[in-house]
Amino acid sequence: MGPAGCAPTLLPAAVAASPPAGPPRPHPALRGKPIAVGGGVVLAASYEARVFGVRGGMPGQRARELCPGLIFVGGHFADYQRLGDAAIKVLDDFTPLVERISIDEAFADVAGCTHLFGPPAEIAATVRRRVRAELGLPISIGVARTKHLAKIASQVAKPDGLVVVDPDTELAFLHDLPVGLMWGVGPATRARLAEIGIETIGQLAKTHGGALRRLLGPAAGEKLSWLAWNRDPRKLETHRRSHSAGAQSALGRRPAEARIFGPVLLHLADRVASRLRAKSRPGRTVTVRVRFADLHAVTRSLTLEQPISATAMLAEIAGELVRGVLAANPREKTISLLAISVSQLEESVELQLELPLGLADEKQRPGSRQGLARFGADSAIDKIRQRFGREAVGYGAVALEARRSVPDAFRELAEKEL
């Protein structure tokens, strides 16, 4: 199924399931071999490739160095979507309470259907058998009472297993696991926790909340402290709309120069702004994330007076934020990832027109003459794409060149409904 998988989670018995990354079904000869999807940048890697340290977002050259026998394949995006939909659809046959969180993951509450299909562990086993029989895919499932614990159980179950966490043994199961399995603990957070001797979830649970808040910030520290004790009150949201729209691009190792990040930001802004316009949901807060070669990342945000959804405006504002990040980090000369997101989305916005006062930022104001012209150009491009496809027109050769590095079709599979 390539980089896609399926992770259902059943609540209060949470089930999380995912087929391992690898070649889609039309290429059975590749099964069991080290596979990477992509080329210049690794989009996804099979478990056989991960053994060598190959990871998504890694430069292709580095991946080949780590795994000399690595086989690169192109993305079969239609297959990923079809198989992901089919795997998630199996859950719908057991319960209507399914919250899909990506192309290959979902939470499902089976508390109300155990009288029909048996206990949660039995339902999970049936789901695995059906996915294997109907789709030819292995699938890993975790069963637990909370979302967070079910997610972790599914990770422990990979690449092709079933882990059921008994309510009486939740903390014993959880506290022996590495802290990196927790939701919200990425490489940077894991490194910071390691600096104070925290490597397991149990060690995190026993750390004073004040120390965590000082180390990670109030919100992150408190959240991780709660999750370490399996305190996760979140309920299923079967019809969830995203409160922000974002896009990112892994660059490998590129110079931190405008000629590099300018085209990438324009491309990312195009992806984000076109989604905002399609749903008529402009946003006020623009956020950029810059990750450097050592995986150290810096985030900067700007909240505007009026919400925007114009591509050029978003690209320019993002560019200014990125330049601010680079100015504040003069020793960083290499960028490995760029990301743009827009939040504080609004609906049914009444545009406030502005007089031509010759302000320095007039072209970034939606109600100015230049702002209206930019939105009009975007609308024309949107209509052309609706009729002839996204590749029919773009925002200059630089944007089209940036798009070839990592295909949009792969990224769009995971985009949430606005």
Protein backbone atom coordinates (compact mmCIF):
# COMPACT_ATOMS: atom_id res chain seq x y z
CA MET A 1 0.00 0.00 0.00
CA GLY A 2 2.99 2.28 -0.19
CA PRO A 3 3.27 4.86 2.56
CA ALA A 4 -0.36 4.52 3.51
CA GLY A 5 -1.79 2.39 6.28
CA CYS A 6 -4.88 2.13 8.40
CA ALA A 7 -5.07 2.99 12.06
CA PRO A 8 -8.52 2.52 13.54
CA THR A 9 -8.95 3.24 17.21
CA LEU A 10 -11.90 1.92 19.16
CA LEU A 11 -13.17 3.79 22.21
CA PRO A 12 -13.58 3.17 25.05
CA ALA A 13 -11.62 0.27 23.65
CA ALA A 14 -9.40 2.14 21.28
CA VAL A 15 -8.05 0.31 18.27
CA ALA A 16 -5.30 1.75 16.10
CA ALA A 17 -4.28 -0.12 12.99
CA SER A 18 -1.84 0.44 10.17
CA PRO A 19 -0.50 -1.55 7.24
CA PRO A 20 3.27 -1.08 6.88
CA ALA A 21 4.67 1.26 4.27
CA GLY A 22 5.76 -0.56 1.14
CA PRO A 23 4.84 -1.13 -2.49
CA PRO A 24 1.19 -1.11 -3.52
CA ARG A 25 -0.45 -4.37 -4.48
CA PRO A 26 0.31 -4.16 -8.25
CA HIS A 27 4.01 -4.81 -7.47
CA PRO A 28 4.15 -7.94 -5.28
CA ALA A 29 7.74 -8.63 -6.42
CA LEU A 30 8.88 -5.69 -4.29
CA ARG A 31 7.32 -7.04 -1.11
CA GLY A 32 9.86 -7.59 1.64
CA LYS A 33 12.53 -5.42 0.02
CA PRO A 34 13.84 -2.03 1.22
CA ILE A 35 11.61 0.47 -0.59
CA ALA A 36 11.44 4.27 -0.55
CA VAL A 37 8.80 6.40 -2.23
CA GLY A 38 10.20 9.53 -3.83
CA GLY A 39 13.56 10.44 -5.30
CA GLY A 40 15.32 13.65 -4.29
CA VAL A 41 13.51 13.42 -0.95
CA VAL A 42 12.18 10.29 0.76
CA LEU A 43 8.40 10.59 1.09
CA ALA A 44 7.96 7.26 2.87
CA ALA A 45 9.98 4.14 3.57
CA SER A 46 9.14 0.48 4.11
CA TYR A 47 10.01 -1.22 7.37
CA GLU A 48 12.83 -3.05 5.61
CA ALA A 49 14.35 0.33 4.71
CA ARG A 50 13.73 1.84 8.14
CA VAL A 51 15.97 -0.82 9.68
CA PHE A 52 18.87 0.99 7.98
CA GLY A 53 17.76 4.37 9.32
CA VAL A 54 15.89 5.56 6.22
CA ARG A 55 13.10 7.97 7.19
CA GLY A 56 10.55 10.20 5.51
CA GLY A 57 11.88 13.69 4.77
CA MET A 58 15.44 12.43 4.38
CA PRO A 59 17.47 13.44 1.28
CA GLY A 60 17.51 10.62 -1.26
CA GLN A 61 21.30 10.63 -1.44
CA ARG A 62 21.59 10.12 2.32
CA ALA A 63 19.04 7.30 2.17
CA ARG A 64 21.10 5.50 -0.50
CA GLU A 65 24.22 5.87 1.64
CA LEU A 66 22.47 4.26 4.60
CA CYS A 67 20.87 1.51 2.52
CA PRO A 68 22.85 0.68 -0.66
CA GLY A 69 20.17 -1.76 -1.85
CA LEU A 70 17.35 0.77 -1.47
CA ILE A 71 14.79 0.72 -4.28
CA PHE A 72 13.10 4.04 -5.10
CA VAL A 73 9.59 3.93 -6.56
CA GLY A 74 7.19 6.61 -7.70
CA GLY A 75 4.09 7.52 -5.74
CA HIS A 76 0.92 5.59 -6.57
CA PHE A 77 -1.37 8.21 -5.08
CA ALA A 78 -4.63 6.86 -6.47
CA ASP A 79 -3.82 3.47 -4.93
CA TYR A 80 -3.01 5.01 -1.55
CA GLN A 81 -6.32 6.85 -1.48
CA ARG A 82 -8.34 3.86 -2.69
CA LEU A 83 -6.77 1.38 -0.28
CA GLY A 84 -6.86 3.83 2.62
CA ASP A 85 -10.57 4.45 2.03
CA ALA A 86 -11.26 0.73 1.75
CA ALA A 87 -9.40 -0.09 4.97
CA ILE A 88 -11.19 2.63 6.93
CA LYS A 89 -14.49 1.51 5.40
CA VAL A 90 -14.15 -1.83 7.19
CA LEU A 91 -14.60 0.06 10.47
CA ASP A 92 -17.87 1.54 9.22
CA ASP A 93 -19.32 -1.96 9.12
CA PHE A 94 -18.92 -2.18 12.90
CA THR A 95 -19.73 1.31 14.16
CA PRO A 96 -20.82 4.72 12.80
CA LEU A 97 -18.58 6.44 15.37
CA VAL A 98 -15.40 6.72 13.33
CA GLU A 99 -13.05 9.70 13.45
CA ARG A 100 -10.59 9.62 10.57
CA ILE A 101 -7.45 11.59 11.31
CA SER A 102 -5.41 10.89 8.16
CA ILE A 103 -5.42 8.78 5.03
CA ASP A 104 -4.39 5.76 7.10
CA GLU A 105 -5.62 6.36 10.64
CA ALA A 106 -8.94 6.60 12.41
CA PHE A 107 -10.48 6.28 15.84
CA ALA A 108 -13.65 4.24 16.27
CA ASP A 109 -15.89 3.85 19.31
CA VAL A 110 -17.23 0.28 19.55
CA ALA A 111 -18.70 0.54 23.04
CA GLY A 112 -22.22 0.38 21.65
CA CYS A 113 -21.76 -2.59 19.33
CA THR A 114 -20.05 -5.19 21.49
CA HIS A 115 -23.38 -7.01 21.91
CA LEU A 116 -23.39 -7.53 18.14
CA PHE A 117 -19.75 -8.25 17.36
CA GLY A 118 -18.17 -9.30 20.64
CA PRO A 119 -15.58 -7.57 22.85
CA PRO A 120 -13.22 -4.93 21.38
CA ALA A 121 -10.31 -7.36 21.04
CA GLU A 122 -12.49 -9.71 19.01
CA ILE A 123 -13.65 -6.84 16.80
CA ALA A 124 -10.04 -5.82 16.23
CA ALA A 125 -9.10 -9.35 15.24
CA THR A 126 -12.01 -9.47 12.80
CA VAL A 127 -10.96 -6.15 11.26
CA ARG A 128 -7.45 -7.50 10.72
CA ARG A 129 -8.73 -10.66 9.06
CA ARG A 130 -11.03 -8.72 6.74
CA VAL A 131 -8.39 -6.18 5.68
CA ARG A 132 -5.98 -9.00 4.95
CA ALA A 133 -8.58 -11.03 3.02
CA GLU A 134 -10.23 -8.15 1.12
CA LEU A 135 -7.25 -5.88 0.46
CA GLY A 136 -4.24 -8.16 0.81
CA LEU A 137 -2.71 -5.84 3.41
CA PRO A 138 -1.30 -6.55 6.85
CA ILE A 139 -2.67 -4.23 9.49
CA SER A 140 -1.52 -3.45 13.02
CA ILE A 141 -4.11 -2.70 15.70
CA GLY A 142 -3.93 -1.40 19.25
CA VAL A 143 -6.86 -1.63 21.67
CA ALA A 144 -7.17 0.60 24.75
CA ARG A 145 -9.57 2.89 26.63
CA THR A 146 -8.18 6.25 25.44
CA LYS A 147 -7.10 7.75 22.16
CA HIS A 148 -3.54 8.31 23.26
CA LEU A 149 -3.02 4.83 24.65
CA ALA A 150 -4.64 3.21 21.62
CA LYS A 151 -2.35 5.17 19.31
CA ILE A 152 0.70 4.01 21.25
CA ALA A 153 -0.57 0.42 21.32
CA SER A 154 -0.88 0.47 17.54
CA GLN A 155 2.71 1.66 17.22
CA VAL A 156 3.88 -1.16 19.48
CA ALA A 157 1.87 -3.60 17.35
CA LYS A 158 3.60 -2.65 14.09
CA PRO A 159 4.35 -3.90 11.52
CA ASP A 160 1.62 -6.57 11.61
CA GLY A 161 0.16 -7.25 15.02
CA LEU A 162 -2.56 -6.71 17.60
CA VAL A 163 -1.91 -5.22 21.05
CA VAL A 164 -4.72 -5.14 23.60
CA VAL A 165 -4.12 -3.04 26.72
CA ASP A 166 -6.15 -4.29 29.67
CA PRO A 167 -7.61 -1.46 31.82
CA ASP A 168 -5.95 -2.97 34.90
CA THR A 169 -2.47 -2.89 33.35
CA GLU A 170 -2.54 0.43 31.48
CA LEU A 171 0.16 2.23 33.45
CA ALA A 172 2.39 -0.82 33.66
CA PHE A 173 2.23 -1.09 29.87
CA LEU A 174 2.63 2.62 29.24
CA HIS A 175 5.42 3.51 31.67
CA ASP A 176 7.97 1.04 30.29
CA LEU A 177 7.76 2.49 26.77
CA PRO A 178 10.13 5.12 25.28
CA VAL A 179 8.89 8.68 25.57
CA GLY A 180 9.25 9.14 21.80
CA LEU A 181 6.07 7.08 21.26
CA MET A 182 3.92 9.79 22.84
CA TRP A 183 1.81 12.12 20.78
CA GLY A 184 3.56 15.48 20.66
CA VAL A 185 7.08 14.19 21.35
CA GLY A 186 9.17 14.71 18.24
CA PRO A 187 12.96 14.61 17.84
CA ALA A 188 13.49 18.06 19.38
CA THR A 189 11.28 17.42 22.44
CA ARG A 190 12.76 13.95 22.89
CA ALA A 191 16.27 15.45 22.89
CA ARG A 192 15.32 18.08 25.47
CA LEU A 193 13.78 15.45 27.74
CA ALA A 194 16.87 13.27 27.39
CA GLU A 195 19.00 16.17 28.64
CA ILE A 196 17.32 15.86 32.05
CA GLY A 197 17.37 12.06 32.03
CA ILE A 198 13.85 11.35 30.79
CA GLU A 199 13.80 8.51 28.26
CA THR A 200 10.70 6.49 29.25
CA ILE A 201 7.09 7.51 29.74
CA GLY A 202 7.34 6.32 33.33
CA GLN A 203 10.23 8.69 34.01
CA LEU A 204 8.19 11.49 32.47
CA ALA A 205 5.20 10.63 34.67
CA LYS A 206 7.34 10.86 37.81
CA THR A 207 8.88 14.22 36.85
CA HIS A 208 7.46 17.23 38.68
CA GLY A 209 5.02 19.20 36.54
CA GLY A 210 6.83 22.45 37.25
CA ALA A 211 10.06 21.09 35.79
CA LEU A 212 8.27 19.97 32.63
CA ARG A 213 6.56 23.33 32.23
CA ARG A 214 9.87 25.15 32.57
CA LEU A 215 11.52 22.83 30.06
CA LEU A 216 8.76 22.55 27.44
CA GLY A 217 6.43 25.47 28.17
CA PRO A 218 3.18 25.53 30.17
CA ALA A 219 0.86 23.96 27.59
CA ALA A 220 3.17 21.19 26.33
CA GLY A 221 4.47 20.35 29.81
CA GLU A 222 1.01 19.98 31.29
CA LYS A 223 -0.31 18.00 28.33
CA LEU A 224 2.53 15.47 28.36
CA SER A 225 2.27 15.10 32.13
CA TRP A 226 -1.40 14.18 31.82
CA LEU A 227 -0.86 11.80 28.93
CA ALA A 228 1.95 10.05 30.81
CA TRP A 229 -0.70 9.03 33.37
CA ASN A 230 -3.14 8.07 30.59
CA ARG A 231 -5.36 11.03 31.38
CA ASP A 232 -6.85 11.71 27.97
CA PRO A 233 -10.46 13.00 28.10
CA ARG A 234 -10.76 13.65 24.36
CA LYS A 235 -13.87 12.29 22.71
CA LEU A 236 -14.40 11.20 19.12
CA GLU A 237 -15.21 13.92 16.61
CA THR A 238 -16.88 12.21 13.70
CA HIS A 239 -17.42 15.45 11.75
CA ARG A 240 -14.33 17.47 12.57
CA ARG A 241 -13.32 20.54 10.60
CA SER A 242 -9.79 21.80 10.70
CA HIS A 243 -9.15 25.13 12.42
CA SER A 244 -6.12 25.84 10.24
CA ALA A 245 -4.64 25.03 6.85
CA GLY A 246 -0.98 24.30 6.32
CA ALA A 247 1.62 22.80 4.03
CA GLN A 248 5.27 21.91 4.37
CA SER A 249 8.15 20.86 2.17
CA ALA A 250 11.19 18.82 3.15
CA LEU A 251 14.18 20.25 1.30
CA GLY A 252 16.97 17.89 2.27
CA ARG A 253 19.88 20.26 2.92
CA ARG A 254 19.60 23.54 0.99
CA PRO A 255 21.30 26.91 1.45
CA ALA A 256 19.33 29.39 3.56
CA GLU A 257 19.05 31.86 0.70
CA ALA A 258 16.12 33.72 -0.84
CA ARG A 259 16.65 32.05 -4.22
CA ILE A 260 15.97 28.73 -2.47
CA PHE A 261 13.23 29.51 0.02
CA GLY A 262 11.38 32.07 -2.14
CA PRO A 263 10.05 29.60 -4.76
CA VAL A 264 9.27 27.02 -2.07
CA LEU A 265 7.24 29.50 -0.03
CA LEU A 266 5.35 30.58 -3.13
CA HIS A 267 4.50 26.99 -3.86
CA LEU A 268 3.39 26.32 -0.27
CA ALA A 269 1.36 29.54 -0.22
CA ASP A 270 -0.36 28.44 -3.44
CA ARG A 271 -1.38 25.14 -1.86
CA VAL A 272 -2.65 26.72 1.36
CA ALA A 273 -4.37 29.77 -0.13
CA SER A 274 -6.18 27.78 -2.82
CA ARG A 275 -7.69 25.59 -0.09
CA LEU A 276 -8.79 28.65 1.86
CA ARG A 277 -10.45 30.16 -1.21
CA ALA A 278 -12.15 26.90 -2.14
CA LYS A 279 -13.94 26.90 1.22
CA SER A 280 -14.27 30.70 1.53
CA ARG A 281 -12.37 30.62 4.81
CA PRO A 282 -9.62 33.27 4.89
CA GLY A 283 -7.42 33.45 7.97
CA ARG A 284 -5.81 36.10 10.13
CA THR A 285 -2.74 34.40 11.59
CA VAL A 286 0.16 33.35 9.36
CA THR A 287 2.75 31.01 10.83
CA VAL A 288 6.01 29.75 9.32
CA ARG A 289 8.27 26.99 10.55
CA VAL A 290 11.91 26.77 9.54
CA ARG A 291 13.86 23.61 10.32
CA PHE A 292 17.62 23.76 10.02
CA ALA A 293 20.11 21.02 9.15
CA ASP A 294 20.52 19.90 12.78
CA LEU A 295 16.70 19.45 13.02
CA HIS A 296 16.44 22.53 15.23
CA ALA A 297 13.21 24.31 14.24
CA VAL A 298 12.02 27.88 14.76
CA THR A 299 8.42 29.10 14.41
CA ARG A 300 7.23 32.66 13.82
CA SER A 301 3.68 34.04 13.53
CA LEU A 302 1.95 37.24 12.51
CA THR A 303 -1.71 38.13 13.13
CA LEU A 304 -3.23 40.47 10.54
CA GLU A 305 -5.96 43.07 10.80
CA GLN A 306 -8.00 41.40 8.07
CA PRO A 307 -8.11 37.72 7.06
CA ILE A 308 -6.38 36.80 3.81
CA SER A 309 -6.59 34.02 1.24
CA ALA A 310 -4.55 35.50 -1.64
CA THR A 311 -1.55 33.45 -2.70
CA ALA A 312 0.87 36.32 -3.32
CA MET A 313 -0.02 38.00 -0.01
CA LEU A 314 0.55 34.81 1.92
CA ALA A 315 3.85 34.12 0.17
CA GLU A 316 5.15 37.63 0.86
CA ILE A 317 4.16 37.59 4.52
CA ALA A 318 5.70 34.14 4.93
CA GLY A 319 8.87 35.36 3.24
CA GLU A 320 9.15 38.25 5.68
CA LEU A 321 8.72 35.89 8.62
CA VAL A 322 11.35 33.49 7.27
CA ARG A 323 13.82 36.31 6.75
CA GLY A 324 13.19 37.34 10.36
CA VAL A 325 13.96 33.79 11.51
CA LEU A 326 17.21 33.73 9.52
CA ALA A 327 18.23 37.15 10.81
CA ALA A 328 17.74 35.93 14.38
CA ASN A 329 19.78 32.78 13.66
CA PRO A 330 22.78 34.08 11.66
CA ARG A 331 24.84 30.93 12.26
CA GLU A 332 22.29 28.71 10.52
CA LYS A 333 23.25 28.39 6.86
CA THR A 334 21.22 25.34 5.80
CA ILE A 335 17.46 24.73 5.72
CA SER A 336 15.96 21.24 5.75
CA LEU A 337 12.22 22.05 5.92
CA LEU A 338 9.83 24.97 5.41
CA ALA A 339 6.19 25.11 6.46
CA ILE A 340 3.35 27.63 6.23
CA SER A 341 0.04 27.53 8.07
CA VAL A 342 -2.91 29.91 8.35
CA SER A 343 -5.16 29.87 11.43
CA GLN A 344 -7.97 31.95 12.94
CA LEU A 345 -10.07 31.03 9.93
CA GLU A 346 -13.25 33.01 9.38
CA GLU A 347 -16.44 32.52 7.41
CA SER A 348 -18.74 34.92 5.58
CA VAL A 349 -16.20 37.72 5.87
CA GLU A 350 -17.32 41.18 4.79
CA LEU A 351 -14.35 42.78 3.06
CA GLN A 352 -13.57 46.30 4.25
CA LEU A 353 -12.43 48.37 1.26
CA GLU A 354 -9.53 50.75 1.79
CA LEU A 355 -8.58 54.08 0.27
CA PRO A 356 -5.33 54.23 -1.76
CA LEU A 357 -3.25 55.93 0.92
CA GLY A 358 0.11 54.76 -0.39
CA LEU A 359 0.85 52.58 2.64
CA ALA A 360 3.97 50.44 2.51
CA ASP A 361 2.00 47.23 3.00
CA GLU A 362 -0.92 48.21 0.77
CA LYS A 363 -0.49 45.25 -1.58
CA GLN A 364 -0.86 42.92 1.41
CA ARG A 365 -4.19 44.45 2.45
CA PRO A 366 -7.21 42.52 1.05
CA GLY A 367 -9.37 45.63 0.74
CA SER A 368 -6.87 47.76 -1.18
CA ARG A 369 -6.89 48.17 -4.95
CA GLN A 370 -3.81 45.95 -5.27
CA GLY A 371 -5.27 43.42 -2.84
CA LEU A 372 -8.48 43.15 -4.85
CA ALA A 373 -6.48 42.74 -8.05
CA ARG A 374 -4.48 39.92 -6.52
CA PHE A 375 -7.59 38.13 -5.34
CA GLY A 376 -9.08 38.53 -8.82
CA ALA A 377 -6.02 36.90 -10.37
CA ASP A 378 -6.26 34.04 -7.88
CA SER A 379 -9.93 33.54 -8.70
CA ALA A 380 -9.14 33.32 -12.41
CA ILE A 381 -6.44 30.73 -11.74
CA ASP A 382 -8.83 28.75 -9.55
CA LYS A 383 -11.41 28.61 -12.34
CA ILE A 384 -8.84 27.47 -14.90
CA ARG A 385 -7.69 24.71 -12.57
CA GLN A 386 -11.24 23.59 -11.88
CA ARG A 387 -11.78 23.10 -15.59
CA PHE A 388 -8.39 21.90 -16.82
CA GLY A 389 -6.63 20.56 -13.72
CA ARG A 390 -4.18 21.98 -11.23
CA GLU A 391 -1.18 21.63 -13.53
CA ALA A 392 -2.80 23.80 -16.22
CA VAL A 393 -1.65 27.08 -14.68
CA GLY A 394 0.61 28.23 -11.86
CA TYR A 395 2.32 31.23 -10.35
CA GLY A 396 5.49 31.26 -12.44
CA ALA A 397 8.16 28.77 -13.45
CA VAL A 398 9.76 28.85 -10.02
CA ALA A 399 6.58 27.57 -8.36
CA LEU A 400 6.16 24.84 -10.96
CA GLU A 401 9.78 23.79 -10.45
CA ALA A 402 9.31 23.65 -6.67
CA ARG A 403 6.29 21.42 -7.07
CA ARG A 404 8.28 18.71 -8.83
CA SER A 405 10.40 17.96 -5.75
CA VAL A 406 7.57 16.35 -3.75
CA PRO A 407 4.29 15.73 -5.61
CA ASP A 408 1.25 17.56 -4.28
CA ALA A 409 -0.86 14.44 -4.72
CA PHE A 410 1.03 12.81 -1.87
CA ARG A 411 0.61 15.74 0.51
CA GLU A 412 -3.03 16.36 -0.30
CA LEU A 413 -4.01 12.88 0.82
CA ALA A 414 -3.57 13.94 4.45
CA GLU A 415 -5.26 17.36 4.26
CA LYS A 416 -8.25 17.76 6.55
CA GLU A 417 -11.59 19.25 5.61
CA LEU A 418 -11.77 23.01 6.20
